[in-house]
């Protein structure tokens, strides 16, 4: 029996991807890359924009890459990082909305004010 939700992520995939975002610095790095759009940024520009550099940035990029959220490509001597998976981010939000909030009341339905 296939228990993969309509958003396309299994609970295991969703959990591991959410875990990758469980750091303020990683979330900040991903936010900078999403805002940079498909062209992405060099590691130097990414570090400067996100305020994370050196081995710390390398560590966070490895985790985000393993989670399928960031892609790295070599262009000449530069490594370009891009938010690889806009579809993965959409799948995560879809997972939350369809799987976690499926039985939630509509806003205001249970107001006690």
N, C-alpha and C. Protein backbone atom coordinates (compact mmCIF):
# COMPACT_ATOMS: atom_id res chain seq x y z
N UNK A 1 0.85 -1.18 0.00
CA UNK A 1 0.00 0.00 0.00
C UNK A 1 0.89 1.24 0.00
N UNK A 2 0.65 2.19 -0.91
CA UNK A 2 1.43 3.41 -1.03
C UNK A 2 0.84 4.48 -0.12
N UNK A 3 1.65 4.94 0.83
CA UNK A 3 1.19 5.96 1.77
C UNK A 3 1.75 7.34 1.42
N UNK A 4 2.30 7.51 0.21
CA UNK A 4 2.82 8.79 -0.20
C UNK A 4 1.67 9.76 -0.42
N UNK A 5 1.68 10.89 0.28
CA UNK A 5 0.61 11.87 0.14
C UNK A 5 0.55 12.46 -1.27
N UNK A 6 -0.53 13.16 -1.54
CA UNK A 6 -0.73 13.76 -2.85
C UNK A 6 0.37 14.75 -3.21
N UNK A 7 1.03 15.36 -2.23
CA UNK A 7 2.09 16.33 -2.51
C UNK A 7 3.36 15.66 -3.01
N UNK A 8 3.43 14.32 -2.94
CA UNK A 8 4.57 13.59 -3.48
C UNK A 8 5.68 13.29 -2.50
N UNK A 9 5.58 13.72 -1.26
CA UNK A 9 6.62 13.45 -0.26
C UNK A 9 6.11 12.44 0.75
N UNK A 10 6.95 11.48 1.05
CA UNK A 10 6.61 10.56 2.14
C UNK A 10 6.89 11.28 3.46
N UNK A 11 6.40 10.73 4.54
CA UNK A 11 6.64 11.34 5.84
C UNK A 11 8.14 11.36 6.15
N UNK A 12 8.87 10.34 5.71
CA UNK A 12 10.31 10.29 5.94
C UNK A 12 11.03 11.39 5.17
N UNK A 13 10.63 11.58 3.90
CA UNK A 13 11.24 12.63 3.09
C UNK A 13 10.93 14.01 3.66
N UNK A 14 9.69 14.21 4.06
CA UNK A 14 9.31 15.50 4.64
C UNK A 14 10.10 15.77 5.92
N UNK A 15 10.21 14.76 6.78
CA UNK A 15 10.92 14.94 8.04
C UNK A 15 12.39 15.26 7.81
N UNK A 16 13.04 14.56 6.89
CA UNK A 16 14.46 14.83 6.66
C UNK A 16 14.67 16.21 6.03
N UNK A 17 13.75 16.63 5.18
CA UNK A 17 13.87 17.95 4.57
C UNK A 17 13.61 19.04 5.59
N UNK A 18 12.58 18.86 6.42
CA UNK A 18 12.34 19.83 7.49
C UNK A 18 13.52 19.88 8.45
N UNK A 19 14.15 18.75 8.73
CA UNK A 19 15.32 18.73 9.61
C UNK A 19 16.45 19.56 9.02
N UNK A 20 16.62 19.49 7.70
CA UNK A 20 17.66 20.28 7.05
C UNK A 20 17.40 21.78 7.21
N UNK A 21 16.15 22.15 7.35
CA UNK A 21 15.79 23.57 7.53
C UNK A 21 15.74 23.97 8.99
N UNK A 22 16.10 23.04 9.89
CA UNK A 22 15.98 23.27 11.32
C UNK A 22 17.11 24.09 11.91
N UNK A 23 17.71 24.95 11.14
CA UNK A 23 18.77 25.83 11.61
C UNK A 23 18.49 27.22 11.06
N UNK A 24 18.62 28.21 11.90
CA UNK A 24 18.40 29.58 11.43
C UNK A 24 19.35 29.92 10.29
N UNK A 25 20.61 29.49 10.40
CA UNK A 25 21.57 29.80 9.35
C UNK A 25 21.22 29.09 8.04
N UNK A 26 20.83 27.82 8.10
CA UNK A 26 20.46 27.11 6.86
C UNK A 26 19.22 27.72 6.24
N UNK A 27 18.25 28.06 7.07
CA UNK A 27 17.05 28.70 6.54
C UNK A 27 17.40 30.04 5.90
N UNK A 28 18.31 30.77 6.51
CA UNK A 28 18.76 32.04 5.93
C UNK A 28 19.48 31.85 4.61
N UNK A 29 20.32 30.83 4.52
CA UNK A 29 21.02 30.53 3.27
C UNK A 29 20.01 30.18 2.18
N UNK A 30 19.05 29.34 2.49
CA UNK A 30 18.05 28.97 1.50
C UNK A 30 17.23 30.19 1.08
N UNK A 31 16.88 31.03 2.03
CA UNK A 31 16.10 32.24 1.71
C UNK A 31 16.86 33.12 0.73
N UNK A 32 18.16 33.32 0.97
CA UNK A 32 18.98 34.12 0.06
C UNK A 32 18.99 33.49 -1.33
N UNK A 33 19.14 32.17 -1.40
CA UNK A 33 19.18 31.50 -2.70
C UNK A 33 17.85 31.55 -3.43
N UNK A 34 16.76 31.40 -2.71
CA UNK A 34 15.43 31.49 -3.34
C UNK A 34 15.25 32.88 -3.92
N UNK A 35 15.63 33.88 -3.16
CA UNK A 35 15.49 35.26 -3.64
C UNK A 35 16.41 35.57 -4.81
N UNK A 36 17.55 34.87 -4.89
CA UNK A 36 18.49 35.07 -6.00
C UNK A 36 17.94 34.50 -7.30
N UNK A 37 16.99 33.58 -7.20
CA UNK A 37 16.39 32.99 -8.39
C UNK A 37 17.25 31.91 -9.01
N UNK A 38 16.82 31.42 -10.16
CA UNK A 38 17.49 30.30 -10.82
C UNK A 38 18.98 30.50 -11.12
N UNK A 39 19.45 31.71 -11.41
CA UNK A 39 20.89 31.83 -11.68
C UNK A 39 21.77 31.51 -10.47
N UNK A 40 21.23 31.66 -9.28
CA UNK A 40 21.98 31.35 -8.07
C UNK A 40 23.05 32.38 -7.77
N UNK A 41 23.94 32.02 -6.86
CA UNK A 41 25.02 32.91 -6.43
C UNK A 41 26.30 32.11 -6.26
N UNK A 42 27.43 32.80 -6.42
CA UNK A 42 28.70 32.15 -6.10
C UNK A 42 28.74 31.95 -4.59
N UNK A 43 29.59 31.05 -4.14
CA UNK A 43 29.69 30.79 -2.71
C UNK A 43 30.08 32.07 -1.96
N UNK A 44 30.98 32.86 -2.53
CA UNK A 44 31.38 34.10 -1.89
C UNK A 44 30.24 35.08 -1.74
N UNK A 45 29.46 35.26 -2.82
CA UNK A 45 28.32 36.17 -2.77
C UNK A 45 27.25 35.65 -1.82
N UNK A 46 27.04 34.33 -1.84
CA UNK A 46 26.05 33.72 -0.95
C UNK A 46 26.44 33.94 0.51
N UNK A 47 27.72 33.68 0.82
CA UNK A 47 28.20 33.87 2.19
C UNK A 47 28.03 35.29 2.66
N UNK A 48 28.37 36.25 1.79
CA UNK A 48 28.24 37.66 2.16
C UNK A 48 26.77 38.03 2.39
N UNK A 49 25.89 37.57 1.50
CA UNK A 49 24.47 37.91 1.62
C UNK A 49 23.81 37.24 2.81
N UNK A 50 24.24 36.01 3.13
CA UNK A 50 23.62 35.26 4.22
C UNK A 50 24.31 35.50 5.56
N UNK A 51 25.49 36.10 5.53
CA UNK A 51 26.23 36.32 6.76
C UNK A 51 26.84 35.06 7.34
N UNK A 52 27.10 34.07 6.48
CA UNK A 52 27.69 32.80 6.90
C UNK A 52 28.83 32.51 5.93
N UNK A 53 30.01 32.25 6.44
CA UNK A 53 31.15 32.04 5.55
C UNK A 53 31.97 30.83 5.97
N UNK A 54 32.97 30.53 5.15
CA UNK A 54 33.95 29.51 5.47
C UNK A 54 33.37 28.12 5.66
N UNK A 55 33.96 27.41 6.61
CA UNK A 55 33.58 26.02 6.84
C UNK A 55 32.14 25.90 7.34
N UNK A 56 31.64 26.93 8.01
CA UNK A 56 30.25 26.91 8.47
C UNK A 56 29.30 26.91 7.27
N UNK A 57 29.58 27.76 6.29
CA UNK A 57 28.75 27.80 5.08
C UNK A 57 28.85 26.47 4.34
N UNK A 58 30.05 25.93 4.21
CA UNK A 58 30.24 24.64 3.55
C UNK A 58 29.42 23.55 4.21
N UNK A 59 29.44 23.52 5.54
CA UNK A 59 28.67 22.54 6.31
C UNK A 59 27.17 22.68 6.02
N UNK A 60 26.66 23.90 6.07
CA UNK A 60 25.23 24.11 5.84
C UNK A 60 24.85 23.78 4.40
N UNK A 61 25.70 24.12 3.45
CA UNK A 61 25.40 23.81 2.05
C UNK A 61 25.36 22.30 1.81
N UNK A 62 26.24 21.57 2.48
CA UNK A 62 26.23 20.11 2.34
C UNK A 62 24.89 19.53 2.81
N UNK A 63 24.41 20.00 3.93
CA UNK A 63 23.13 19.51 4.47
C UNK A 63 21.97 19.89 3.55
N UNK A 64 21.96 21.13 3.06
CA UNK A 64 20.88 21.56 2.16
C UNK A 64 20.94 20.83 0.82
N UNK A 65 22.14 20.53 0.36
CA UNK A 65 22.30 19.78 -0.89
C UNK A 65 21.82 18.35 -0.72
N UNK A 66 22.19 17.71 0.38
CA UNK A 66 21.74 16.34 0.65
C UNK A 66 20.23 16.26 0.76
N UNK A 67 19.60 17.32 1.23
CA UNK A 67 18.15 17.34 1.36
C UNK A 67 17.46 17.66 0.03
N UNK A 68 18.24 17.94 -1.00
CA UNK A 68 17.67 18.23 -2.31
C UNK A 68 17.16 19.65 -2.45
N UNK A 69 17.58 20.54 -1.57
CA UNK A 69 17.10 21.92 -1.60
C UNK A 69 18.04 22.87 -2.33
N UNK A 70 19.29 22.48 -2.48
CA UNK A 70 20.30 23.32 -3.13
C UNK A 70 21.08 22.48 -4.12
N UNK A 71 21.42 23.09 -5.25
CA UNK A 71 22.30 22.46 -6.23
C UNK A 71 23.54 23.31 -6.35
N UNK A 72 24.67 22.65 -6.54
CA UNK A 72 25.92 23.35 -6.75
C UNK A 72 26.48 22.92 -8.11
N UNK A 73 26.89 23.91 -8.90
CA UNK A 73 27.51 23.64 -10.19
C UNK A 73 28.78 24.45 -10.31
N UNK A 74 29.74 23.89 -11.02
CA UNK A 74 31.01 24.59 -11.22
C UNK A 74 30.91 25.38 -12.52
N UNK A 75 31.27 26.66 -12.43
CA UNK A 75 31.37 27.52 -13.61
C UNK A 75 32.76 28.13 -13.60
N UNK A 76 33.65 27.57 -14.40
CA UNK A 76 35.04 28.01 -14.38
C UNK A 76 35.65 27.65 -13.04
N UNK A 77 36.16 28.66 -12.35
CA UNK A 77 36.75 28.42 -11.03
C UNK A 77 35.76 28.65 -9.90
N UNK A 78 34.56 29.07 -10.22
CA UNK A 78 33.55 29.36 -9.20
C UNK A 78 32.58 28.20 -9.03
N UNK A 79 32.07 28.09 -7.83
CA UNK A 79 30.98 27.15 -7.57
C UNK A 79 29.73 28.00 -7.37
N UNK A 80 28.73 27.72 -8.16
CA UNK A 80 27.48 28.46 -8.11
C UNK A 80 26.45 27.63 -7.37
N UNK A 81 25.81 28.23 -6.40
CA UNK A 81 24.77 27.56 -5.62
C UNK A 81 23.43 28.15 -6.01
N UNK A 82 22.45 27.29 -6.14
CA UNK A 82 21.11 27.75 -6.47
C UNK A 82 20.10 26.95 -5.67
N UNK A 83 18.99 27.60 -5.36
CA UNK A 83 17.88 26.89 -4.72
C UNK A 83 17.34 25.95 -5.77
N UNK A 84 17.72 24.72 -5.64
CA UNK A 84 17.49 23.73 -6.67
C UNK A 84 16.04 23.39 -6.82
N UNK A 85 15.40 23.36 -5.74
CA UNK A 85 14.14 22.67 -5.74
C UNK A 85 13.00 23.56 -5.30
N UNK A 86 12.64 24.48 -6.17
CA UNK A 86 11.44 25.25 -5.87
C UNK A 86 10.27 24.28 -5.74
N UNK A 87 10.29 23.22 -6.56
CA UNK A 87 9.24 22.22 -6.48
C UNK A 87 9.30 21.47 -5.15
N UNK A 88 10.50 21.28 -4.60
CA UNK A 88 10.64 20.60 -3.31
C UNK A 88 10.07 21.48 -2.18
N UNK A 89 10.35 22.78 -2.26
CA UNK A 89 9.81 23.71 -1.26
C UNK A 89 8.29 23.74 -1.37
N UNK A 90 7.77 23.74 -2.59
CA UNK A 90 6.31 23.69 -2.78
C UNK A 90 5.74 22.39 -2.25
N UNK A 91 6.46 21.29 -2.46
CA UNK A 91 5.99 20.01 -1.94
C UNK A 91 5.96 20.01 -0.42
N UNK A 92 6.94 20.66 0.21
CA UNK A 92 6.94 20.75 1.67
C UNK A 92 5.75 21.54 2.18
N UNK A 93 5.49 22.68 1.54
CA UNK A 93 4.33 23.46 1.98
C UNK A 93 3.04 22.70 1.69
N UNK A 94 3.01 21.99 0.56
CA UNK A 94 1.85 21.16 0.26
C UNK A 94 1.67 20.06 1.28
N UNK A 95 2.78 19.49 1.73
CA UNK A 95 2.73 18.45 2.75
C UNK A 95 2.09 19.00 4.02
N UNK A 96 2.55 20.17 4.44
CA UNK A 96 1.98 20.78 5.65
C UNK A 96 0.49 21.03 5.50
N UNK A 97 0.11 21.57 4.36
CA UNK A 97 -1.29 21.93 4.17
C UNK A 97 -2.20 20.73 4.00
N UNK A 98 -1.72 19.70 3.29
CA UNK A 98 -2.61 18.57 3.03
C UNK A 98 -2.55 17.49 4.10
N UNK A 99 -1.36 17.29 4.67
CA UNK A 99 -1.21 16.20 5.62
C UNK A 99 -1.33 16.64 7.07
N UNK A 100 -0.79 17.79 7.38
CA UNK A 100 -0.79 18.24 8.77
C UNK A 100 -2.01 19.08 9.11
N UNK A 101 -2.55 19.75 8.14
CA UNK A 101 -3.67 20.67 8.40
C UNK A 101 -4.98 20.18 7.81
N UNK A 102 -5.01 18.92 7.38
CA UNK A 102 -6.19 18.39 6.69
C UNK A 102 -7.45 18.49 7.54
N UNK A 103 -7.32 18.32 8.83
CA UNK A 103 -8.50 18.34 9.70
C UNK A 103 -8.63 19.64 10.48
N UNK A 104 -7.83 20.65 10.11
CA UNK A 104 -7.86 21.92 10.83
C UNK A 104 -9.14 22.69 10.52
N UNK A 105 -9.61 23.41 11.52
CA UNK A 105 -10.78 24.26 11.33
C UNK A 105 -10.37 25.47 10.48
N UNK A 106 -11.30 26.02 9.79
CA UNK A 106 -11.01 27.23 9.02
C UNK A 106 -10.80 28.36 10.01
N UNK A 107 -9.99 29.38 9.62
CA UNK A 107 -9.72 30.49 10.51
C UNK A 107 -11.01 31.13 11.00
N UNK A 108 -11.06 31.38 12.28
CA UNK A 108 -12.21 32.03 12.90
C UNK A 108 -13.31 31.08 13.34
N UNK A 109 -13.23 29.83 12.92
CA UNK A 109 -14.30 28.87 13.24
C UNK A 109 -14.41 28.59 14.72
N UNK A 110 -13.27 28.59 15.41
CA UNK A 110 -13.27 28.29 16.82
C UNK A 110 -12.83 29.47 17.68
N UNK A 111 -13.07 30.68 17.18
CA UNK A 111 -12.69 31.86 17.96
C UNK A 111 -13.51 31.91 19.23
N UNK A 112 -12.83 32.25 20.30
CA UNK A 112 -13.50 32.35 21.59
C UNK A 112 -13.57 33.78 22.07
N UNK A 113 -13.28 34.74 21.18
CA UNK A 113 -13.15 36.13 21.54
C UNK A 113 -14.41 36.78 21.76
